[in-house]
């Protein structure tokens, strides 16, 4: 398989036409080798316009990599800067963490599945990404007490729990896919003040839910 030709086609035929126009993001998609984060059995699917199953070590985890254009749009929406700290919930294969790490100072990524945590960690190490810390933990509540300039929920949630919003610095941004089947949409939420937030709906899509996040009828913080 000609990976470089497939990568070029992914960017030019899927991602750029989907209004991802930040040249730094597009360049990064050439730099970070997506096929190195895909389970070997699915490597031929690395550049297709679809989710890739994350079945590793003989385990059907039930998780998938988001489609490339979804990851690119979310990354572009964050408008990351080199000095910023990022929290990601749902490491998956480690690919999104690698993209984030190239645009930010530091990334903390959390993965609840032990098999995927090992897989993502190995992928990040092999790719030479040094400014990511991966924790095998339930990410349905924010870890520790640090605040972040950017937070990525790499999966869907019925709503964004307030504890995550409170972990944003003023001016910080959070991206997530919000809703429940059949209606979900990617959202960008910006903390505009101590107690104020602005929400922007980006596009409609669907994604597998992140585990253990509260449902809509659950008590909210």
C-alpha atoms as a PDB file:
ATOM      1  CA  UNK A   1       0.000   0.000   0.000  1.00  0.00           C
ATOM      2  CA  UNK A   2       1.282   3.479  -0.863  1.00  0.00           C
ATOM      3  CA  UNK A   3       0.748   5.175   2.506  1.00  0.00           C
ATOM      4  CA  UNK A   4       1.919   8.581   1.342  1.00  0.00           C
ATOM      5  CA  UNK A   5      -0.497   8.628  -1.585  1.00  0.00           C
ATOM      6  CA  UNK A   6      -3.316   7.458   0.714  1.00  0.00           C
ATOM      7  CA  UNK A   7      -2.415  10.171   3.232  1.00  0.00           C
ATOM      8  CA  UNK A   8      -2.419  12.818   0.516  1.00  0.00           C
ATOM      9  CA  UNK A   9      -5.833  11.656  -0.701  1.00  0.00           C
ATOM     10  CA  UNK A  10      -7.188  11.669   2.869  1.00  0.00           C
ATOM     11  CA  UNK A  11      -6.171  15.298   3.347  1.00  0.00           C
ATOM     12  CA  UNK A  12      -7.125  16.592  -0.085  1.00  0.00           C
ATOM     13  CA  UNK A  13     -10.305  14.588  -0.727  1.00  0.00           C
ATOM     14  CA  UNK A  14     -11.790  14.192   2.768  1.00  0.00           C
ATOM     15  CA  UNK A  15     -10.421  16.777   5.160  1.00  0.00           C
ATOM     16  CA  UNK A  16      -9.765  19.955   3.192  1.00  0.00           C
ATOM     17  CA  UNK A  17     -13.194  19.761   1.450  1.00  0.00           C
ATOM     18  CA  UNK A  18     -14.746  19.495   4.930  1.00  0.00           C
ATOM     19  CA  UNK A  19     -13.604  23.067   5.599  1.00  0.00           C
ATOM     20  CA  UNK A  20     -10.459  22.237   7.538  1.00  0.00           C
ATOM     21  CA  UNK A  21      -8.362  25.114   6.226  1.00  0.00           C
ATOM     22  CA  UNK A  22      -5.760  25.717   8.937  1.00  0.00           C
ATOM     23  CA  UNK A  23      -2.537  24.891   7.097  1.00  0.00           C
ATOM     24  CA  UNK A  24      -0.749  23.967  10.331  1.00  0.00           C
ATOM     25  CA  UNK A  25      -3.400  21.331  11.023  1.00  0.00           C
ATOM     26  CA  UNK A  26      -3.173  19.995   7.482  1.00  0.00           C
ATOM     27  CA  UNK A  27       0.617  19.847   7.685  1.00  0.00           C
ATOM     28  CA  UNK A  28       0.369  17.972  10.975  1.00  0.00           C
ATOM     29  CA  UNK A  29      -1.785  15.287   9.365  1.00  0.00           C
ATOM     30  CA  UNK A  30       1.116  14.592   7.014  1.00  0.00           C
ATOM     31  CA  UNK A  31       3.624  14.608   9.864  1.00  0.00           C
ATOM     32  CA  UNK A  32       1.891  12.266  12.350  1.00  0.00           C
ATOM     33  CA  UNK A  33       1.659   8.849  10.719  1.00  0.00           C
ATOM     34  CA  UNK A  34      -1.921   7.751  11.299  1.00  0.00           C
ATOM     35  CA  UNK A  35      -1.253   4.189  10.129  1.00  0.00           C
ATOM     36  CA  UNK A  36       1.153   3.704  13.042  1.00  0.00           C
ATOM     37  CA  UNK A  37      -1.739   4.214  15.485  1.00  0.00           C
ATOM     38  CA  UNK A  38      -4.156   1.788  13.790  1.00  0.00           C
ATOM     39  CA  UNK A  39      -4.350  -1.869  14.909  1.00  0.00           C
ATOM     40  CA  UNK A  40      -2.284  -3.917  12.435  1.00  0.00           C
ATOM     41  CA  UNK A  41      -5.302  -5.876  11.166  1.00  0.00           C
ATOM     42  CA  UNK A  42      -7.009  -2.615  10.142  1.00  0.00           C
ATOM     43  CA  UNK A  43      -4.028  -0.686   8.792  1.00  0.00           C
ATOM     44  CA  UNK A  44      -5.462  -0.653   5.264  1.00  0.00           C
ATOM     45  CA  UNK A  45      -8.394   1.345   6.705  1.00  0.00           C
ATOM     46  CA  UNK A  46      -6.188   4.017   8.272  1.00  0.00           C
ATOM     47  CA  UNK A  47      -7.088   6.713   5.745  1.00  0.00           C
ATOM     48  CA  UNK A  48     -10.698   5.826   4.966  1.00  0.00           C
ATOM     49  CA  UNK A  49     -13.564   8.185   5.766  1.00  0.00           C
ATOM     50  CA  UNK A  50     -14.898   6.021   8.586  1.00  0.00           C
ATOM     51  CA  UNK A  51     -14.245   4.942  12.138  1.00  0.00           C
ATOM     52  CA  UNK A  52     -11.601   2.236  12.594  1.00  0.00           C
ATOM     53  CA  UNK A  53     -12.307  -0.544  15.151  1.00  0.00           C
ATOM     54  CA  UNK A  54      -9.856  -0.633  18.026  1.00  0.00           C
ATOM     55  CA  UNK A  55      -9.582  -4.384  18.369  1.00  0.00           C
ATOM     56  CA  UNK A  56      -6.142  -5.060  19.846  1.00  0.00           C
ATOM     57  CA  UNK A  57      -4.408  -7.962  21.569  1.00  0.00           C
ATOM     58  CA  UNK A  58      -7.263 -10.186  20.404  1.00  0.00           C
ATOM     59  CA  UNK A  59      -9.795  -8.106  22.367  1.00  0.00           C
ATOM     60  CA  UNK A  60     -12.878  -6.478  20.879  1.00  0.00           C
ATOM     61  CA  UNK A  61     -12.849  -3.349  22.994  1.00  0.00           C
ATOM     62  CA  UNK A  62     -15.996  -1.890  21.426  1.00  0.00           C
ATOM     63  CA  UNK A  63     -14.125   1.360  20.805  1.00  0.00           C
ATOM     64  CA  UNK A  64     -13.120   3.000  17.523  1.00  0.00           C
ATOM     65  CA  UNK A  65     -10.879   5.741  16.198  1.00  0.00           C
ATOM     66  CA  UNK A  66     -12.922   8.706  15.048  1.00  0.00           C
ATOM     67  CA  UNK A  67     -12.976   9.350  11.308  1.00  0.00           C
ATOM     68  CA  UNK A  68     -10.009  11.486  10.194  1.00  0.00           C
ATOM     69  CA  UNK A  69     -12.102  14.502   9.218  1.00  0.00           C
ATOM     70  CA  UNK A  70     -13.805  14.543  12.645  1.00  0.00           C
ATOM     71  CA  UNK A  71     -10.449  14.562  14.436  1.00  0.00           C
ATOM     72  CA  UNK A  72      -9.155  17.290  12.121  1.00  0.00           C
ATOM     73  CA  UNK A  73     -12.186  19.540  12.635  1.00  0.00           C
ATOM     74  CA  UNK A  74     -12.001  19.180  16.417  1.00  0.00           C
ATOM     75  CA  UNK A  75      -8.279  19.896  16.408  1.00  0.00           C
ATOM     76  CA  UNK A  76      -8.746  22.976  14.245  1.00  0.00           C
ATOM     77  CA  UNK A  77     -11.587  24.271  16.432  1.00  0.00           C
ATOM     78  CA  UNK A  78      -9.370  24.214  19.539  1.00  0.00           C
ATOM     79  CA  UNK A  79      -6.890  26.723  18.051  1.00  0.00           C
ATOM     80  CA  UNK A  80      -4.124  25.351  20.270  1.00  0.00           C
ATOM     81  CA  UNK A  81      -0.988  27.346  21.044  1.00  0.00           C
ATOM     82  CA  UNK A  82       2.446  26.032  21.962  1.00  0.00           C
ATOM     83  CA  UNK A  83       2.342  27.096  25.620  1.00  0.00           C
ATOM     84  CA  UNK A  84      -0.983  25.420  26.428  1.00  0.00           C
ATOM     85  CA  UNK A  85      -1.815  22.384  28.547  1.00  0.00           C
ATOM     86  CA  UNK A  86      -4.438  19.917  27.294  1.00  0.00           C
ATOM     87  CA  UNK A  87      -6.575  17.239  28.924  1.00  0.00           C
ATOM     88  CA  UNK A  88      -7.981  14.456  26.746  1.00  0.00           C
ATOM     89  CA  UNK A  89     -10.526  11.893  27.907  1.00  0.00           C
ATOM     90  CA  UNK A  90     -10.511   8.718  25.826  1.00  0.00           C
ATOM     91  CA  UNK A  91      -6.998   8.002  24.548  1.00  0.00           C
ATOM     92  CA  UNK A  92      -8.097   5.230  22.197  1.00  0.00           C
ATOM     93  CA  UNK A  93      -5.105   4.535  19.939  1.00  0.00           C
ATOM     94  CA  UNK A  94      -3.169   7.602  21.074  1.00  0.00           C
ATOM     95  CA  UNK A  95      -3.481   9.308  17.676  1.00  0.00           C
ATOM     96  CA  UNK A  96      -5.435  12.352  18.844  1.00  0.00           C
ATOM     97  CA  UNK A  97      -3.065  12.760  21.793  1.00  0.00           C
ATOM     98  CA  UNK A  98      -0.144  12.776  19.349  1.00  0.00           C
ATOM     99  CA  UNK A  99      -1.811  15.473  17.230  1.00  0.00           C
ATOM    100  CA  UNK A 100      -2.550  17.550  20.321  1.00  0.00           C
ATOM    101  CA  UNK A 101       1.001  17.130  21.610  1.00  0.00           C
ATOM    102  CA  UNK A 102       2.494  18.623  18.456  1.00  0.00           C
ATOM    103  CA  UNK A 103       0.414  21.787  18.941  1.00  0.00           C
ATOM    104  CA  UNK A 104       0.591  22.193  22.733  1.00  0.00           C
ATOM    105  CA  UNK A 105       3.117  22.190  25.556  1.00  0.00           C
ATOM    106  CA  UNK A 106       1.747  19.174  27.427  1.00  0.00           C
ATOM    107  CA  UNK A 107      -1.094  16.657  27.129  1.00  0.00           C
ATOM    108  CA  UNK A 108      -2.622  14.468  29.845  1.00  0.00           C
ATOM    109  CA  UNK A 109      -4.714  11.727  28.253  1.00  0.00           C
ATOM    110  CA  UNK A 110      -6.878   9.239  30.172  1.00  0.00           C
ATOM    111  CA  UNK A 111      -8.043   5.814  29.000  1.00  0.00           C
ATOM    112  CA  UNK A 112     -10.342   3.504  30.953  1.00  0.00           C
ATOM    113  CA  UNK A 113      -9.628   0.302  28.958  1.00  0.00           C
ATOM    114  CA  UNK A 114      -6.363  -1.303  30.119  1.00  0.00           C
ATOM    115  CA  UNK A 115      -5.741  -2.895  26.710  1.00  0.00           C
ATOM    116  CA  UNK A 116      -6.182   0.421  24.920  1.00  0.00           C
ATOM    117  CA  UNK A 117      -4.070   2.233  27.497  1.00  0.00           C
ATOM    118  CA  UNK A 118      -1.196  -0.155  26.726  1.00  0.00           C
ATOM    119  CA  UNK A 119      -1.769   0.151  22.973  1.00  0.00           C
ATOM    120  CA  UNK A 120      -1.893   3.949  23.014  1.00  0.00           C
ATOM    121  CA  UNK A 121       1.139   4.178  25.266  1.00  0.00           C
ATOM    122  CA  UNK A 122       3.176   1.932  22.987  1.00  0.00           C
ATOM    123  CA  UNK A 123       2.107   3.921  19.902  1.00  0.00           C
ATOM    124  CA  UNK A 124       3.066   7.234  21.484  1.00  0.00           C
ATOM    125  CA  UNK A 125       6.429   5.927  22.655  1.00  0.00           C
ATOM    126  CA  UNK A 126       7.248   4.414  19.262  1.00  0.00           C
ATOM    127  CA  UNK A 127       6.340   7.695  17.563  1.00  0.00           C
ATOM    128  CA  UNK A 128       8.682   9.658  19.797  1.00  0.00           C
ATOM    129  CA  UNK A 129       5.990  11.794  21.436  1.00  0.00           C
ATOM    130  CA  UNK A 130       7.473  12.939  24.741  1.00  0.00           C
ATOM    131  CA  UNK A 131       5.083  15.595  26.037  1.00  0.00           C
ATOM    132  CA  UNK A 132       2.130  13.267  26.689  1.00  0.00           C
ATOM    133  CA  UNK A 133       1.337  11.562  29.987  1.00  0.00           C
ATOM    134  CA  UNK A 134      -1.122   8.688  29.632  1.00  0.00           C
ATOM    135  CA  UNK A 135      -3.086   7.511  32.667  1.00  0.00           C
ATOM    136  CA  UNK A 136      -5.106   4.311  32.805  1.00  0.00           C
ATOM    137  CA  UNK A 137      -8.127   5.587  34.698  1.00  0.00           C
ATOM    138  CA  UNK A 138     -11.833   6.371  34.555  1.00  0.00           C
ATOM    139  CA  UNK A 139     -11.992   9.805  33.009  1.00  0.00           C
ATOM    140  CA  UNK A 140     -15.656  10.511  33.735  1.00  0.00           C
ATOM    141  CA  UNK A 141     -14.479  12.931  36.415  1.00  0.00           C
ATOM    142  CA  UNK A 142     -11.492  15.229  35.774  1.00  0.00           C
ATOM    143  CA  UNK A 143      -8.252  13.914  37.297  1.00  0.00           C
ATOM    144  CA  UNK A 144      -6.344  15.881  39.916  1.00  0.00           C
ATOM    145  CA  UNK A 145      -6.943  19.582  40.395  1.00  0.00           C
ATOM    146  CA  UNK A 146      -5.087  21.215  37.479  1.00  0.00           C
ATOM    147  CA  UNK A 147      -6.692  23.627  35.056  1.00  0.00           C
ATOM    148  CA  UNK A 148      -6.273  23.405  31.295  1.00  0.00           C
ATOM    149  CA  UNK A 149      -6.354  25.740  28.342  1.00  0.00           C
ATOM    150  CA  UNK A 150      -7.996  22.977  26.297  1.00  0.00           C
ATOM    151  CA  UNK A 151     -10.014  19.824  27.009  1.00  0.00           C
ATOM    152  CA  UNK A 152     -10.959  17.163  24.458  1.00  0.00           C
ATOM    153  CA  UNK A 153     -13.657  14.562  25.102  1.00  0.00           C
ATOM    154  CA  UNK A 154     -12.779  11.987  22.434  1.00  0.00           C
ATOM    155  CA  UNK A 155     -16.188  10.362  22.289  1.00  0.00           C
ATOM    156  CA  UNK A 156     -19.791  11.333  22.865  1.00  0.00           C
ATOM    157  CA  UNK A 157     -21.464  12.484  26.079  1.00  0.00           C
ATOM    158  CA  UNK A 158     -25.150  13.274  26.745  1.00  0.00           C
ATOM    159  CA  UNK A 159     -24.024  16.675  28.057  1.00  0.00           C
ATOM    160  CA  UNK A 160     -20.749  18.178  29.206  1.00  0.00           C
ATOM    161  CA  UNK A 161     -20.540  17.807  32.999  1.00  0.00           C
ATOM    162  CA  UNK A 162     -19.859  21.060  34.800  1.00  0.00           C
ATOM    163  CA  UNK A 163     -16.705  19.789  36.573  1.00  0.00           C
ATOM    164  CA  UNK A 164     -14.994  19.693  33.167  1.00  0.00           C
ATOM    165  CA  UNK A 165     -16.072  23.240  32.360  1.00  0.00           C
ATOM    166  CA  UNK A 166     -14.723  24.393  35.719  1.00  0.00           C
ATOM    167  CA  UNK A 167     -11.311  22.926  34.858  1.00  0.00           C
ATOM    168  CA  UNK A 168     -10.922  25.298  31.929  1.00  0.00           C
ATOM    169  CA  UNK A 169      -8.853  28.414  32.412  1.00  0.00           C
ATOM    170  CA  UNK A 170     -10.612  31.642  31.495  1.00  0.00           C
ATOM    171  CA  UNK A 171     -10.274  31.713  27.731  1.00  0.00           C
ATOM    172  CA  UNK A 172      -9.929  27.919  27.653  1.00  0.00           C
ATOM    173  CA  UNK A 173     -11.795  25.740  25.144  1.00  0.00           C
ATOM    174  CA  UNK A 174     -13.450  22.336  25.294  1.00  0.00           C
ATOM    175  CA  UNK A 175     -14.553  20.203  22.343  1.00  0.00           C
ATOM    176  CA  UNK A 176     -16.914  17.252  22.612  1.00  0.00           C
ATOM    177  CA  UNK A 177     -19.559  15.370  20.671  1.00  0.00           C
ATOM    178  CA  UNK A 178     -22.746  16.004  22.617  1.00  0.00           C
ATOM    179  CA  UNK A 179     -26.127  14.277  22.527  1.00  0.00           C
ATOM    180  CA  UNK A 180     -27.617  10.818  22.228  1.00  0.00           C
ATOM    181  CA  UNK A 181     -28.541   8.745  19.213  1.00  0.00           C
ATOM    182  CA  UNK A 182     -29.859   9.629  16.731  1.00  0.00           C
ATOM    183  CA  UNK A 183     -28.955  13.305  17.296  1.00  0.00           C
ATOM    184  CA  UNK A 184     -25.447  14.390  18.236  1.00  0.00           C
ATOM    185  CA  UNK A 185     -23.322  17.385  17.347  1.00  0.00           C
ATOM    186  CA  UNK A 186     -19.786  18.472  17.917  1.00  0.00           C
ATOM    187  CA  UNK A 187     -19.576  21.506  20.179  1.00  0.00           C
ATOM    188  CA  UNK A 188     -16.925  24.034  21.118  1.00  0.00           C
ATOM    189  CA  UNK A 189     -17.369  25.553  24.573  1.00  0.00           C
ATOM    190  CA  UNK A 190     -15.219  28.508  25.622  1.00  0.00           C
ATOM    191  CA  UNK A 191     -14.876  29.791  29.173  1.00  0.00           C
ATOM    192  CA  UNK A 192     -15.371  33.520  28.824  1.00  0.00           C
ATOM    193  CA  UNK A 193     -15.302  34.444  32.523  1.00  0.00           C
ATOM    194  CA  UNK A 194     -15.289  33.026  36.024  1.00  0.00           C
ATOM    195  CA  UNK A 195     -18.921  31.928  35.681  1.00  0.00           C
ATOM    196  CA  UNK A 196     -19.628  32.381  31.990  1.00  0.00           C
ATOM    197  CA  UNK A 197     -19.308  30.049  29.028  1.00  0.00           C
ATOM    198  CA  UNK A 198     -20.042  30.406  25.310  1.00  0.00           C
ATOM    199  CA  UNK A 199     -21.139  27.424  23.218  1.00  0.00           C
ATOM    200  CA  UNK A 200     -20.737  26.995  19.467  1.00  0.00           C
ATOM    201  CA  UNK A 201     -22.265  24.111  17.528  1.00  0.00           C
ATOM    202  CA  UNK A 202     -19.729  22.930  14.949  1.00  0.00           C
ATOM    203  CA  UNK A 203     -21.307  20.084  12.958  1.00  0.00           C
ATOM    204  CA  UNK A 204     -23.589  17.071  13.270  1.00  0.00           C
ATOM    205  CA  UNK A 205     -22.019  13.640  13.710  1.00  0.00           C
ATOM    206  CA  UNK A 206     -22.272  10.517  15.859  1.00  0.00           C
ATOM    207  CA  UNK A 207     -19.716   8.756  18.046  1.00  0.00           C
ATOM    208  CA  UNK A 208     -19.601   5.981  20.607  1.00  0.00           C
ATOM    209  CA  UNK A 209     -20.250   7.199  24.160  1.00  0.00           C
ATOM    210  CA  UNK A 210     -17.509   7.678  26.698  1.00  0.00           C
ATOM    211  CA  UNK A 211     -17.999   5.277  29.600  1.00  0.00           C
ATOM    212  CA  UNK A 212     -19.497   6.241  32.954  1.00  0.00           C
ATOM    213  CA  UNK A 213     -20.469   9.802  32.054  1.00  0.00           C
ATOM    214  CA  UNK A 214     -23.780  10.886  33.647  1.00  0.00           C
ATOM    215  CA  UNK A 215     -27.026  10.665  31.696  1.00  0.00           C
ATOM    216  CA  UNK A 216     -29.241  13.656  31.054  1.00  0.00           C
ATOM    217  CA  UNK A 217     -31.595  12.834  33.909  1.00  0.00           C
ATOM    218  CA  UNK A 218     -28.757  12.375  36.387  1.00  0.00           C
ATOM    219  CA  UNK A 219     -27.906  14.905  39.046  1.00  0.00           C
ATOM    220  CA  UNK A 220     -25.641  17.623  37.687  1.00  0.00           C
ATOM    221  CA  UNK A 221     -22.896  19.251  39.776  1.00  0.00           C
END
